[in-house]
């Protein structure tokens, strides 16, 4: 029998995850990031929805592009700098951004003096990979999550 899931909830009440599955030499850049896995609370398996809080000085991820997954972010509060192949764009509450697979490498950085909160949405299908143009890192997604190696395939 499947676990009983709530029909609705208060997003801010979902327990947050901290930390990262990046190799340790990269994980410090996202230290302080808090993700509340809203999709998990409903048992969603094909899409991920996170309510993410970035404190001042923190970034969402390493700058990356996916080769199978589209991504979407919607800023709920605060302000963030979107750093992409096109340059930098200031985002504030009510703004959104989308990233088609294979498109611009991107990440979000909180350069303000207050927390920023946003929704991030993407699919969860195995077979995706990610390229990190600024770092010696590549990622492959299979059925049990993301796996990282150096660009030449060497493990960390």
N, C-alpha and C. Protein backbone atom coordinates (compact mmCIF):
# COMPACT_ATOMS: atom_id res chain seq x y z
N UNK A 1 0.84 -1.18 0.00
CA UNK A 1 0.00 0.00 0.00
C UNK A 1 0.89 1.25 0.00
N UNK A 2 0.52 2.21 -0.84
CA UNK A 2 1.28 3.45 -0.92
C UNK A 2 1.04 4.31 0.32
N UNK A 3 2.09 5.04 0.75
CA UNK A 3 1.89 5.93 1.91
C UNK A 3 0.84 7.00 1.59
N UNK A 4 0.09 7.35 2.59
CA UNK A 4 -0.93 8.39 2.42
C UNK A 4 -0.25 9.75 2.35
N UNK A 5 -0.57 10.51 1.34
CA UNK A 5 0.02 11.84 1.12
C UNK A 5 -1.04 12.90 1.36
N UNK A 6 -0.63 14.07 1.85
CA UNK A 6 -1.61 15.13 2.06
C UNK A 6 -2.08 15.70 0.73
N UNK A 7 -3.32 16.18 0.67
CA UNK A 7 -3.80 16.81 -0.57
C UNK A 7 -3.22 18.21 -0.74
N UNK A 8 -2.80 18.83 0.36
CA UNK A 8 -2.21 20.18 0.31
C UNK A 8 -1.40 20.37 1.59
N UNK A 9 -0.50 21.34 1.55
CA UNK A 9 0.33 21.63 2.73
C UNK A 9 0.86 23.05 2.66
N UNK A 10 1.42 23.50 3.74
CA UNK A 10 2.09 24.80 3.78
C UNK A 10 3.54 24.56 3.39
N UNK A 11 3.98 25.14 2.28
CA UNK A 11 5.32 24.87 1.75
C UNK A 11 6.41 25.14 2.77
N UNK A 12 6.28 26.21 3.54
CA UNK A 12 7.31 26.57 4.51
C UNK A 12 7.44 25.53 5.63
N UNK A 13 6.45 24.65 5.79
CA UNK A 13 6.49 23.63 6.83
C UNK A 13 7.21 22.35 6.41
N UNK A 14 7.54 22.20 5.13
CA UNK A 14 8.22 21.00 4.66
C UNK A 14 9.67 21.04 5.17
N UNK A 15 10.14 19.96 5.81
CA UNK A 15 11.52 19.96 6.32
C UNK A 15 12.53 20.20 5.20
N UNK A 16 13.55 20.99 5.51
CA UNK A 16 14.57 21.35 4.53
C UNK A 16 15.73 20.38 4.54
N UNK A 17 16.33 20.21 3.37
CA UNK A 17 17.59 19.48 3.22
C UNK A 17 18.70 20.51 3.05
N UNK A 18 19.82 20.24 3.67
CA UNK A 18 20.99 21.09 3.47
C UNK A 18 22.12 20.20 2.95
N UNK A 19 23.22 20.80 2.64
CA UNK A 19 24.33 20.03 2.11
C UNK A 19 24.19 19.83 0.61
N UNK A 20 25.09 19.03 0.07
CA UNK A 20 25.14 18.83 -1.37
C UNK A 20 25.73 17.47 -1.67
N UNK A 21 25.40 16.93 -2.83
CA UNK A 21 26.07 15.71 -3.26
C UNK A 21 27.24 16.00 -4.19
N UNK A 22 27.59 17.29 -4.36
CA UNK A 22 28.81 17.64 -5.09
C UNK A 22 30.02 17.07 -4.35
N UNK A 23 31.10 16.77 -5.07
CA UNK A 23 32.34 16.41 -4.38
C UNK A 23 32.74 17.54 -3.41
N UNK A 24 33.40 17.19 -2.30
CA UNK A 24 33.70 18.19 -1.25
C UNK A 24 34.37 19.47 -1.74
N UNK A 25 35.24 19.38 -2.72
CA UNK A 25 35.93 20.59 -3.18
C UNK A 25 34.99 21.60 -3.85
N UNK A 26 33.80 21.17 -4.23
CA UNK A 26 32.82 22.05 -4.85
C UNK A 26 31.66 22.38 -3.91
N UNK A 27 31.39 21.52 -2.95
CA UNK A 27 30.21 21.65 -2.08
C UNK A 27 30.22 22.93 -1.25
N UNK A 28 31.38 23.46 -0.95
CA UNK A 28 31.43 24.68 -0.12
C UNK A 28 30.73 25.86 -0.78
N UNK A 29 30.65 25.88 -2.10
CA UNK A 29 30.02 27.01 -2.80
C UNK A 29 28.51 27.07 -2.59
N UNK A 30 27.92 25.94 -2.22
CA UNK A 30 26.47 25.93 -1.99
C UNK A 30 26.15 25.75 -0.50
N UNK A 31 27.19 25.84 0.34
CA UNK A 31 26.98 25.68 1.79
C UNK A 31 26.00 26.75 2.27
N UNK A 32 25.02 26.33 3.02
CA UNK A 32 23.99 27.24 3.52
C UNK A 32 22.69 27.16 2.73
N UNK A 33 22.75 26.62 1.52
CA UNK A 33 21.55 26.45 0.70
C UNK A 33 20.61 25.46 1.40
N UNK A 34 19.30 25.80 1.44
CA UNK A 34 18.29 24.93 2.05
C UNK A 34 17.21 24.63 1.02
N UNK A 35 17.00 23.35 0.78
CA UNK A 35 15.98 22.93 -0.20
C UNK A 35 14.87 22.19 0.53
N UNK A 36 13.66 22.63 0.29
CA UNK A 36 12.48 21.94 0.81
C UNK A 36 11.85 21.19 -0.36
N UNK A 37 11.95 19.86 -0.37
CA UNK A 37 11.48 19.06 -1.50
C UNK A 37 9.95 18.93 -1.53
N UNK A 38 9.31 19.93 -2.09
CA UNK A 38 7.84 19.96 -2.12
C UNK A 38 7.26 18.81 -2.92
N UNK A 39 7.86 18.48 -4.05
CA UNK A 39 7.36 17.37 -4.86
C UNK A 39 7.40 16.05 -4.11
N UNK A 40 8.46 15.84 -3.31
CA UNK A 40 8.58 14.61 -2.53
C UNK A 40 7.44 14.48 -1.52
N UNK A 41 7.00 15.59 -0.97
CA UNK A 41 5.94 15.56 0.03
C UNK A 41 4.64 15.00 -0.54
N UNK A 42 4.48 15.08 -1.87
CA UNK A 42 3.28 14.57 -2.52
C UNK A 42 3.53 13.24 -3.24
N UNK A 43 4.77 12.72 -3.14
CA UNK A 43 5.09 11.47 -3.82
C UNK A 43 5.32 11.63 -5.31
N UNK A 44 5.63 12.84 -5.78
CA UNK A 44 5.88 13.05 -7.20
C UNK A 44 7.19 12.37 -7.59
N UNK A 45 7.17 11.62 -8.66
CA UNK A 45 8.37 10.89 -9.08
C UNK A 45 8.92 11.34 -10.43
N UNK A 46 8.13 12.05 -11.22
CA UNK A 46 8.59 12.44 -12.55
C UNK A 46 9.06 13.89 -12.63
N UNK A 47 8.63 14.72 -11.67
CA UNK A 47 9.13 16.10 -11.61
C UNK A 47 9.59 16.38 -10.19
N UNK A 48 10.58 17.25 -10.11
CA UNK A 48 11.04 17.73 -8.81
C UNK A 48 10.63 19.17 -8.65
N UNK A 49 10.15 19.52 -7.46
CA UNK A 49 9.80 20.89 -7.12
C UNK A 49 10.42 21.18 -5.76
N UNK A 50 11.32 22.13 -5.72
CA UNK A 50 11.97 22.51 -4.48
C UNK A 50 11.69 23.98 -4.17
N UNK A 51 11.43 24.26 -2.92
CA UNK A 51 11.42 25.63 -2.42
C UNK A 51 12.80 25.83 -1.81
N UNK A 52 13.61 26.66 -2.45
CA UNK A 52 15.02 26.79 -2.09
C UNK A 52 15.29 28.16 -1.49
N UNK A 53 16.03 28.18 -0.39
CA UNK A 53 16.44 29.41 0.27
C UNK A 53 17.95 29.54 0.15
N UNK A 54 18.38 30.69 -0.39
CA UNK A 54 19.81 30.99 -0.49
C UNK A 54 20.12 32.15 0.45
N UNK A 55 20.98 31.93 1.44
CA UNK A 55 21.40 33.04 2.29
C UNK A 55 22.38 33.94 1.54
N UNK A 56 22.66 35.13 2.06
CA UNK A 56 23.63 36.01 1.41
C UNK A 56 24.96 35.30 1.18
N UNK A 57 25.52 35.52 -0.01
CA UNK A 57 26.81 34.95 -0.36
C UNK A 57 26.77 33.53 -0.90
N UNK A 58 25.61 32.93 -0.93
CA UNK A 58 25.47 31.54 -1.36
C UNK A 58 25.06 31.47 -2.83
N UNK A 59 25.35 30.36 -3.47
CA UNK A 59 24.89 30.14 -4.83
C UNK A 59 24.05 28.87 -4.90
N UNK A 60 23.21 28.79 -5.92
CA UNK A 60 22.27 27.68 -6.08
C UNK A 60 22.96 26.38 -6.44
N UNK A 61 24.00 26.48 -7.24
CA UNK A 61 24.70 25.31 -7.79
C UNK A 61 25.97 25.84 -8.43
N UNK A 62 26.76 24.94 -8.97
CA UNK A 62 27.83 25.37 -9.86
C UNK A 62 27.18 25.72 -11.19
N UNK A 63 27.79 26.61 -11.94
CA UNK A 63 27.20 26.98 -13.24
C UNK A 63 27.21 25.74 -14.13
N UNK A 64 26.04 25.41 -14.69
CA UNK A 64 25.88 24.16 -15.41
C UNK A 64 24.83 24.26 -16.50
N UNK A 65 24.82 23.28 -17.38
CA UNK A 65 23.73 23.09 -18.35
C UNK A 65 23.39 21.60 -18.37
N UNK A 66 22.11 21.31 -18.48
CA UNK A 66 21.64 19.93 -18.58
C UNK A 66 21.50 19.56 -20.05
N UNK A 67 21.63 18.27 -20.33
CA UNK A 67 21.50 17.81 -21.72
C UNK A 67 20.18 17.09 -21.98
N UNK A 68 19.39 16.81 -20.94
CA UNK A 68 18.06 16.22 -21.14
C UNK A 68 16.98 16.98 -20.37
N UNK A 69 17.32 17.58 -19.26
CA UNK A 69 16.33 18.21 -18.37
C UNK A 69 16.16 19.69 -18.67
N UNK A 70 14.91 20.12 -18.76
CA UNK A 70 14.58 21.54 -18.74
C UNK A 70 14.44 21.96 -17.28
N UNK A 71 14.76 23.22 -16.99
CA UNK A 71 14.63 23.74 -15.63
C UNK A 71 13.85 25.05 -15.66
N UNK A 72 13.19 25.33 -14.54
CA UNK A 72 12.42 26.57 -14.39
C UNK A 72 12.58 27.05 -12.96
N UNK A 73 12.78 28.35 -12.78
CA UNK A 73 12.83 28.93 -11.43
C UNK A 73 11.89 30.13 -11.36
N UNK A 74 11.30 30.32 -10.18
CA UNK A 74 10.40 31.43 -9.91
C UNK A 74 10.79 32.03 -8.56
N UNK A 75 11.15 33.30 -8.54
CA UNK A 75 11.62 33.96 -7.32
C UNK A 75 10.41 34.37 -6.48
N UNK A 76 10.38 33.87 -5.24
CA UNK A 76 9.30 34.18 -4.31
C UNK A 76 9.60 35.41 -3.47
N UNK A 77 10.86 35.55 -3.02
CA UNK A 77 11.24 36.71 -2.21
C UNK A 77 12.73 36.96 -2.34
N UNK A 78 13.12 38.19 -2.09
CA UNK A 78 14.53 38.56 -2.16
C UNK A 78 14.96 38.84 -3.58
N UNK A 79 16.28 38.89 -3.75
CA UNK A 79 16.81 39.09 -5.09
C UNK A 79 18.01 38.19 -5.31
N UNK A 80 18.18 37.79 -6.56
CA UNK A 80 19.24 36.88 -6.97
C UNK A 80 19.86 37.39 -8.25
N UNK A 81 21.11 37.02 -8.48
CA UNK A 81 21.75 37.31 -9.76
C UNK A 81 21.79 35.99 -10.54
N UNK A 82 21.18 36.00 -11.71
CA UNK A 82 21.27 34.87 -12.63
C UNK A 82 22.55 35.07 -13.44
N UNK A 83 23.47 34.13 -13.32
CA UNK A 83 24.71 34.16 -14.08
C UNK A 83 24.58 33.10 -15.16
N UNK A 84 24.64 33.52 -16.43
CA UNK A 84 24.45 32.59 -17.55
C UNK A 84 25.45 32.93 -18.65
N UNK A 85 25.41 32.15 -19.70
CA UNK A 85 26.28 32.41 -20.85
C UNK A 85 26.02 33.81 -21.43
N UNK A 86 24.83 34.34 -21.21
CA UNK A 86 24.48 35.65 -21.74
C UNK A 86 24.94 36.80 -20.85
N UNK A 87 25.44 36.50 -19.65
CA UNK A 87 25.88 37.54 -18.72
C UNK A 87 25.13 37.42 -17.41
N UNK A 88 24.91 38.56 -16.76
CA UNK A 88 24.24 38.58 -15.45
C UNK A 88 22.92 39.33 -15.55
N UNK A 89 21.90 38.79 -14.87
CA UNK A 89 20.57 39.38 -14.85
C UNK A 89 20.09 39.40 -13.41
N UNK A 90 19.66 40.57 -12.93
CA UNK A 90 19.12 40.67 -11.57
C UNK A 90 17.68 40.18 -11.58
N UNK A 91 17.38 39.23 -10.70
CA UNK A 91 16.02 38.70 -10.54
C UNK A 91 15.50 39.12 -9.18
N UNK A 92 14.23 39.48 -9.12
CA UNK A 92 13.60 39.81 -7.85
C UNK A 92 12.25 39.11 -7.77
N UNK A 93 11.61 39.20 -6.62
CA UNK A 93 10.33 38.51 -6.39
C UNK A 93 9.36 38.76 -7.54
N UNK A 94 8.76 37.68 -8.00
CA UNK A 94 7.80 37.74 -9.10
C UNK A 94 8.42 37.45 -10.46
N UNK A 95 9.76 37.40 -10.54
CA UNK A 95 10.41 37.10 -11.81
C UNK A 95 10.66 35.59 -11.92
N UNK A 96 10.78 35.13 -13.15
CA UNK A 96 11.07 33.72 -13.39
C UNK A 96 12.07 33.59 -14.53
N UNK A 97 12.67 32.41 -14.63
CA UNK A 97 13.63 32.13 -15.69
C UNK A 97 13.50 30.66 -16.06
N UNK A 98 13.73 30.35 -17.33
CA UNK A 98 13.66 28.97 -17.80
C UNK A 98 14.91 28.61 -18.56
N UNK A 99 15.29 27.34 -18.46
CA UNK A 99 16.53 26.87 -19.05
C UNK A 99 16.27 25.59 -19.83
N UNK A 100 16.10 25.70 -21.16
CA UNK A 100 15.92 24.49 -21.97
C UNK A 100 17.18 23.63 -21.94
N UNK A 101 16.99 22.31 -21.98
CA UNK A 101 18.15 21.41 -21.99
C UNK A 101 19.06 21.74 -23.18
N UNK A 102 20.36 21.62 -22.94
CA UNK A 102 21.34 21.93 -23.97
C UNK A 102 21.58 23.41 -24.18
N UNK A 103 20.88 24.26 -23.44
CA UNK A 103 20.98 25.71 -23.62
C UNK A 103 22.08 26.32 -22.79
N UNK A 104 21.82 27.50 -22.32
CA UNK A 104 22.79 28.31 -21.60
C UNK A 104 23.17 27.69 -20.26
N UNK A 105 24.47 27.67 -19.96
CA UNK A 105 24.92 27.28 -18.62
C UNK A 105 24.52 28.40 -17.67
N UNK A 106 24.14 28.03 -16.44
CA UNK A 106 23.54 29.02 -15.55
C UNK A 106 23.66 28.60 -14.08
N UNK A 107 23.51 29.55 -13.20
CA UNK A 107 23.27 29.34 -11.78
C UNK A 107 22.82 30.66 -11.18
N UNK A 108 22.36 30.61 -9.93
CA UNK A 108 21.87 31.78 -9.21
C UNK A 108 22.83 32.08 -8.06
N UNK A 109 23.07 33.37 -7.81
CA UNK A 109 23.94 33.80 -6.73
C UNK A 109 23.21 34.86 -5.92
N UNK A 110 23.27 34.74 -4.60
CA UNK A 110 22.66 35.75 -3.74
C UNK A 110 23.76 36.73 -3.32
N UNK A 111 23.78 37.90 -3.93
CA UNK A 111 24.75 38.95 -3.60
C UNK A 111 24.14 40.02 -2.71
N UNK A 112 22.92 39.79 -2.24
CA UNK A 112 22.24 40.77 -1.39
C UNK A 112 22.60 40.51 0.07
N UNK A 113 21.99 41.29 0.96
CA UNK A 113 22.23 41.11 2.39
C UNK A 113 21.07 40.42 3.10
N UNK A 114 20.18 39.77 2.32
CA UNK A 114 19.02 39.07 2.90
C UNK A 114 18.81 37.74 2.16
N UNK A 115 18.15 36.82 2.84
CA UNK A 115 17.81 35.54 2.19
C UNK A 115 16.98 35.79 0.94
N UNK A 116 17.13 34.89 -0.04
CA UNK A 116 16.28 34.86 -1.22
C UNK A 116 15.63 33.48 -1.28
N UNK A 117 14.37 33.43 -1.68
CA UNK A 117 13.63 32.17 -1.74
C UNK A 117 13.04 32.04 -3.14
N UNK A 118 13.19 30.84 -3.72
CA UNK A 118 12.66 30.61 -5.07
C UNK A 118 12.19 29.16 -5.20
N UNK A 119 11.35 28.94 -6.19
CA UNK A 119 10.95 27.59 -6.56
C UNK A 119 11.82 27.14 -7.72
N UNK A 120 12.28 25.90 -7.68
CA UNK A 120 12.98 25.31 -8.81
C UNK A 120 12.23 24.05 -9.21
N UNK A 121 12.03 23.89 -10.51
CA UNK A 121 11.23 22.81 -11.04
C UNK A 121 11.98 22.17 -12.21
N UNK A 122 12.04 20.85 -12.20
CA UNK A 122 12.67 20.12 -13.30
C UNK A 122 12.21 18.67 -13.29
N UNK A 123 12.53 17.96 -14.37
CA UNK A 123 12.13 16.56 -14.42
C UNK A 123 13.14 15.69 -13.67
N UNK A 124 12.78 14.43 -13.48
CA UNK A 124 13.64 13.50 -12.72
C UNK A 124 13.99 12.26 -13.54
N UNK A 125 13.93 12.34 -14.83
CA UNK A 125 14.16 11.16 -15.64
C UNK A 125 15.63 10.77 -15.66
N UNK A 126 15.92 9.46 -15.57
CA UNK A 126 17.32 9.02 -15.68
C UNK A 126 17.84 9.32 -17.09
N UNK A 127 19.15 9.32 -17.22
CA UNK A 127 19.75 9.53 -18.54
C UNK A 127 20.18 10.96 -18.79
N UNK A 128 19.94 11.85 -17.85
CA UNK A 128 20.39 13.23 -18.01
C UNK A 128 21.87 13.30 -17.69
N UNK A 129 22.50 14.34 -18.18
CA UNK A 129 23.88 14.64 -17.81
C UNK A 129 24.00 16.14 -17.73
N UNK A 130 25.03 16.59 -17.04
CA UNK A 130 25.25 18.02 -16.88
C UNK A 130 26.71 18.34 -17.14
N UNK A 131 26.92 19.49 -17.75
CA UNK A 131 28.27 20.00 -18.05
C UNK A 131 28.48 21.25 -17.21
N UNK A 132 29.66 21.36 -16.63
CA UNK A 132 30.03 22.48 -15.77
C UNK A 132 31.19 23.22 -16.44
N UNK A 133 30.92 24.27 -17.22
CA UNK A 133 31.97 24.89 -18.03
C UNK A 133 33.08 25.55 -17.22
N UNK A 134 32.82 25.93 -15.97
CA UNK A 134 33.82 26.63 -15.17
C UNK A 134 34.64 25.70 -14.28
N UNK A 135 34.29 24.42 -14.23
CA UNK A 135 34.89 23.50 -13.26
C UNK A 135 35.23 22.17 -13.91
N UNK A 136 36.20 21.45 -13.33
CA UNK A 136 36.57 20.12 -13.79
C UNK A 136 35.59 19.12 -13.19
N UNK A 137 34.39 19.11 -13.75
CA UNK A 137 33.30 18.32 -13.20
C UNK A 137 32.32 17.97 -14.30
N UNK A 138 31.82 16.74 -14.25
CA UNK A 138 30.69 16.35 -15.08
C UNK A 138 29.78 15.47 -14.25
N UNK A 139 28.53 15.39 -14.63
CA UNK A 139 27.54 14.64 -13.86
C UNK A 139 26.70 13.79 -14.80
N UNK A 140 26.33 12.61 -14.30
CA UNK A 140 25.43 11.71 -15.01
C UNK A 140 24.33 11.32 -14.03
N UNK A 141 23.09 11.29 -14.52
CA UNK A 141 21.96 10.89 -13.67
C UNK A 141 21.49 9.51 -14.11
N UNK A 142 21.43 8.60 -13.14
CA UNK A 142 20.83 7.31 -13.41
C UNK A 142 19.69 7.09 -12.42
N UNK A 143 19.21 5.88 -12.29
CA UNK A 143 18.05 5.61 -11.45
C UNK A 143 18.22 5.95 -9.97
N UNK A 144 19.46 6.02 -9.49
CA UNK A 144 19.64 6.32 -8.07
C UNK A 144 20.27 7.69 -7.81
N UNK A 145 20.18 8.59 -8.77
CA UNK A 145 20.63 9.96 -8.54
C UNK A 145 21.81 10.37 -9.38
N UNK A 146 22.41 11.48 -8.98
CA UNK A 146 23.53 12.09 -9.71
C UNK A 146 24.85 11.47 -9.28
N UNK A 147 25.72 11.26 -10.27
CA UNK A 147 27.07 10.73 -10.03
C UNK A 147 28.07 11.66 -10.72
N UNK A 148 29.09 12.07 -9.96
CA UNK A 148 30.05 13.07 -10.44
C UNK A 148 31.42 12.45 -10.69
N UNK A 149 32.05 12.92 -11.77
CA UNK A 149 33.44 12.58 -12.08
C UNK A 149 34.12 13.84 -12.58
N UNK A 150 35.42 13.74 -12.75
CA UNK A 150 36.15 14.82 -13.43
C UNK A 150 35.78 14.74 -14.92
N UNK A 151 36.08 15.79 -15.67
CA UNK A 151 35.70 15.81 -17.09
C UNK A 151 36.34 14.68 -17.86
N UNK A 152 37.53 14.20 -17.45
CA UNK A 152 38.18 13.08 -18.14
C UNK A 152 37.64 11.72 -17.68
N UNK A 153 36.65 11.71 -16.80
CA UNK A 153 36.05 10.47 -16.32
C UNK A 153 36.63 9.92 -15.02
N UNK A 154 37.72 10.53 -14.54
CA UNK A 154 38.33 10.04 -13.29
C UNK A 154 37.39 10.32 -12.12
N UNK A 155 37.31 9.38 -11.18
CA UNK A 155 36.48 9.61 -9.99
C UNK A 155 37.12 10.59 -9.04
N UNK A 156 36.34 11.12 -8.13
CA UNK A 156 36.86 12.01 -7.09
C UNK A 156 37.30 11.17 -5.91
